[in-house]
C-alpha atoms as a PDB file:
ATOM      1  CA  MET A   1     -43.232  17.708  -0.700  1.00  0.00           C
ATOM      2  CA  ASN A   2     -41.719  15.661  -3.912  1.00  0.00           C
ATOM      3  CA  CYS A   3     -38.587  16.521  -6.015  1.00  0.00           C
ATOM      4  CA  ILE A   4     -38.014  15.500  -9.422  1.00  0.00           C
ATOM      5  CA  ALA A   5     -34.053  14.085 -10.157  1.00  0.00           C
ATOM      6  CA  VAL A   6     -32.025  12.716 -12.607  1.00  0.00           C
ATOM      7  CA  ILE A   7     -29.441  10.376 -10.785  1.00  0.00           C
ATOM      8  CA  GLY A   8     -26.105   9.658 -13.460  1.00  0.00           C
ATOM      9  CA  ALA A   9     -24.004   6.321 -12.822  1.00  0.00           C
ATOM     10  CA  ILE A  10     -20.600   5.317 -14.257  1.00  0.00           C
ATOM     11  CA  LEU A  11     -19.814   1.872 -13.452  1.00  0.00           C
ATOM     12  CA  GLU A  12     -16.605   1.029 -14.289  1.00  0.00           C
ATOM     13  CA  ASP A  13     -16.478  -3.047 -14.051  1.00  0.00           C
ATOM     14  CA  PRO A  14     -20.107  -3.628 -14.647  1.00  0.00           C
ATOM     15  CA  LYS A  15     -19.920  -7.280 -14.649  1.00  0.00           C
ATOM     16  CA  ASN A  16     -18.853  -6.728 -10.798  1.00  0.00           C
ATOM     17  CA  SER A  17     -21.151  -4.055  -9.585  1.00  0.00           C
ATOM     18  CA  GLN A  18     -24.181  -4.050 -11.927  1.00  0.00           C
ATOM     19  CA  GLN A  19     -26.292  -7.066  -9.756  1.00  0.00           C
ATOM     20  CA  ARG A  20     -25.914  -4.856  -6.633  1.00  0.00           C
ATOM     21  CA  PHE A  21     -26.440  -1.671  -8.311  1.00  0.00           C
ATOM     22  CA  ASN A  22     -29.788  -3.384  -9.922  1.00  0.00           C
ATOM     23  CA  ASP A  23     -30.938  -4.493  -6.539  1.00  0.00           C
ATOM     24  CA  LEU A  24     -30.575  -1.376  -5.030  1.00  0.00           C
ATOM     25  CA  ILE A  25     -32.592   0.340  -7.586  1.00  0.00           C
ATOM     26  CA  ALA A  26     -35.431  -2.033  -6.817  1.00  0.00           C
ATOM     27  CA  ALA A  27     -35.128  -1.703  -3.526  1.00  0.00           C
ATOM     28  CA  PHE A  28     -36.093   2.202  -3.980  1.00  0.00           C
ATOM     29  CA  ARG A  29     -38.548   0.816  -6.830  1.00  0.00           C
ATOM     30  CA  GLY A  30     -41.368   3.541  -5.522  1.00  0.00           C
ATOM     31  CA  ILE A  31     -39.483   6.619  -6.438  1.00  0.00           C
ATOM     32  CA  VAL A  32     -37.905   5.387  -9.658  1.00  0.00           C
ATOM     33  CA  LYS A  33     -39.880   6.743 -12.594  1.00  0.00           C
ATOM     34  CA  GLY A  34     -37.413   5.240 -15.768  1.00  0.00           C
ATOM     35  CA  ARG A  35     -33.739   3.981 -16.341  1.00  0.00           C
ATOM     36  CA  MET A  36     -31.204   4.210 -19.686  1.00  0.00           C
ATOM     37  CA  GLY A  37     -28.199   2.288 -19.622  1.00  0.00           C
ATOM     38  CA  ILE A  38     -25.639   2.359 -22.128  1.00  0.00           C
ATOM     39  CA  PRO A  39     -22.786  -0.321 -22.268  1.00  0.00           C
ATOM     40  CA  PHE A  40     -19.486   0.414 -23.141  1.00  0.00           C
ATOM     41  CA  ASP A  41     -18.020  -2.920 -23.689  1.00  0.00           C
ATOM     42  CA  ALA A  42     -14.378  -1.934 -25.071  1.00  0.00           C
ATOM     43  CA  GLU A  43     -13.547  -0.245 -21.873  1.00  0.00           C
ATOM     44  CA  ASN A  44     -15.510  -2.176 -19.461  1.00  0.00           C
ATOM     45  CA  ARG A  45     -18.140   0.569 -18.196  1.00  0.00           C
ATOM     46  CA  ALA A  46     -21.410   1.489 -18.486  1.00  0.00           C
ATOM     47  CA  VAL A  47     -23.370   4.717 -17.960  1.00  0.00           C
ATOM     48  CA  ILE A  48     -26.581   4.574 -16.191  1.00  0.00           C
ATOM     49  CA  ALA A  49     -29.389   7.870 -15.773  1.00  0.00           C
ATOM     50  CA  ILE A  50     -31.911   7.266 -13.901  1.00  0.00           C
ATOM     51  CA  THR A  51     -35.163   9.310 -13.225  1.00  0.00           C
ATOM     52  CA  VAL A  52     -36.878   9.554  -9.788  1.00  0.00           C
ATOM     53  CA  GLU A  53     -39.612  11.447  -7.924  1.00  0.00           C
ATOM     54  CA  GLY A  54     -39.334  11.735  -3.947  1.00  0.00           C
ATOM     55  CA  ASP A  55     -38.547  13.424  -0.856  1.00  0.00           C
ATOM     56  CA  LEU A  56     -35.333  14.549  -1.158  1.00  0.00           C
ATOM     57  CA  ASP A  57     -34.376  12.342   2.062  1.00  0.00           C
ATOM     58  CA  GLU A  58     -35.047   9.509  -0.231  1.00  0.00           C
ATOM     59  CA  ILE A  59     -33.349  10.406  -3.441  1.00  0.00           C
ATOM     60  CA  ASN A  60     -30.352  11.228  -0.844  1.00  0.00           C
ATOM     61  CA  ALA A  61     -30.641   7.408   0.199  1.00  0.00           C
ATOM     62  CA  LEU A  62     -30.354   6.139  -2.951  1.00  0.00           C
ATOM     63  CA  THR A  63     -27.673   8.068  -4.316  1.00  0.00           C
ATOM     64  CA  GLY A  64     -25.634   7.061  -0.925  1.00  0.00           C
ATOM     65  CA  LYS A  65     -26.303   3.663  -1.244  1.00  0.00           C
ATOM     66  CA  LEU A  66     -25.205   3.516  -4.973  1.00  0.00           C
ATOM     67  CA  GLY A  67     -22.216   6.028  -4.589  1.00  0.00           C
ATOM     68  CA  LYS A  68     -20.879   3.294  -2.077  1.00  0.00           C
ATOM     69  CA  LEU A  69     -20.554   0.655  -4.299  1.00  0.00           C
ATOM     70  CA  PRO A  70     -17.319  -0.512  -5.703  1.00  0.00           C
ATOM     71  CA  GLY A  71     -16.435   1.319  -8.731  1.00  0.00           C
ATOM     72  CA  VAL A  72     -19.747   3.265  -9.225  1.00  0.00           C
ATOM     73  CA  SER A  73     -19.628   7.141  -9.545  1.00  0.00           C
ATOM     74  CA  VAL A  74     -23.095   8.713  -8.720  1.00  0.00           C
ATOM     75  CA  LYS A  75     -24.243  12.612  -9.334  1.00  0.00           C
ATOM     76  CA  THR A  76     -27.396  13.568  -8.670  1.00  0.00           C
ATOM     77  CA  ALA A  77     -29.406  16.778 -10.523  1.00  0.00           C
ATOM     78  CA  VAL A  78     -32.564  17.767  -8.618  1.00  0.00           C
ATOM     79  CA  SER A  79     -34.893  20.008  -9.642  1.00  0.00           C
ATOM     80  CA  ALA A  80     -35.025  23.682  -8.104  1.00  0.00           C
ATOM     81  CA  LYS A  81     -38.851  23.599  -8.348  1.00  0.00           C
ATOM     82  CA  GLU A  82     -40.729  20.909  -5.772  1.00  0.00           C
ATOM     83  CA  ASN A  83     -43.805  19.223  -6.600  1.00  0.00           C
ATOM     84  CA  HIS A  84     -46.088  19.609  -4.361  1.00  0.00           C
ATOM     85  CA  GLU A  85     -48.801  16.914  -5.102  1.00  0.00           C
ATOM     86  CA  THR A  86     -48.920  13.872  -2.947  1.00  0.00           C
ATOM     87  CA  LYS A  87     -47.603  10.674  -3.658  1.00  0.00           C
ATOM     88  CA  GLN A  88     -50.051   7.577  -4.541  1.00  0.00           C
END
């Protein structure tokens, strides 16, 4: 069963972490439904929200890999209601 979740990330030094961050998002493109990024250039930070739909293992795998990147803080909010539709 699929869940809908939002992964929130703060990149403390985007110039050094954004490429690897983007590569991981691309590797999980099958579950990524949308993304919004806000740069805070004066503070040398970026805030990114990623909406995903997938099984909990996939969502946790992406969250875990993003959280292991240096300078990246990640939190995930998962919908309490599971989506019973099958993935296409």
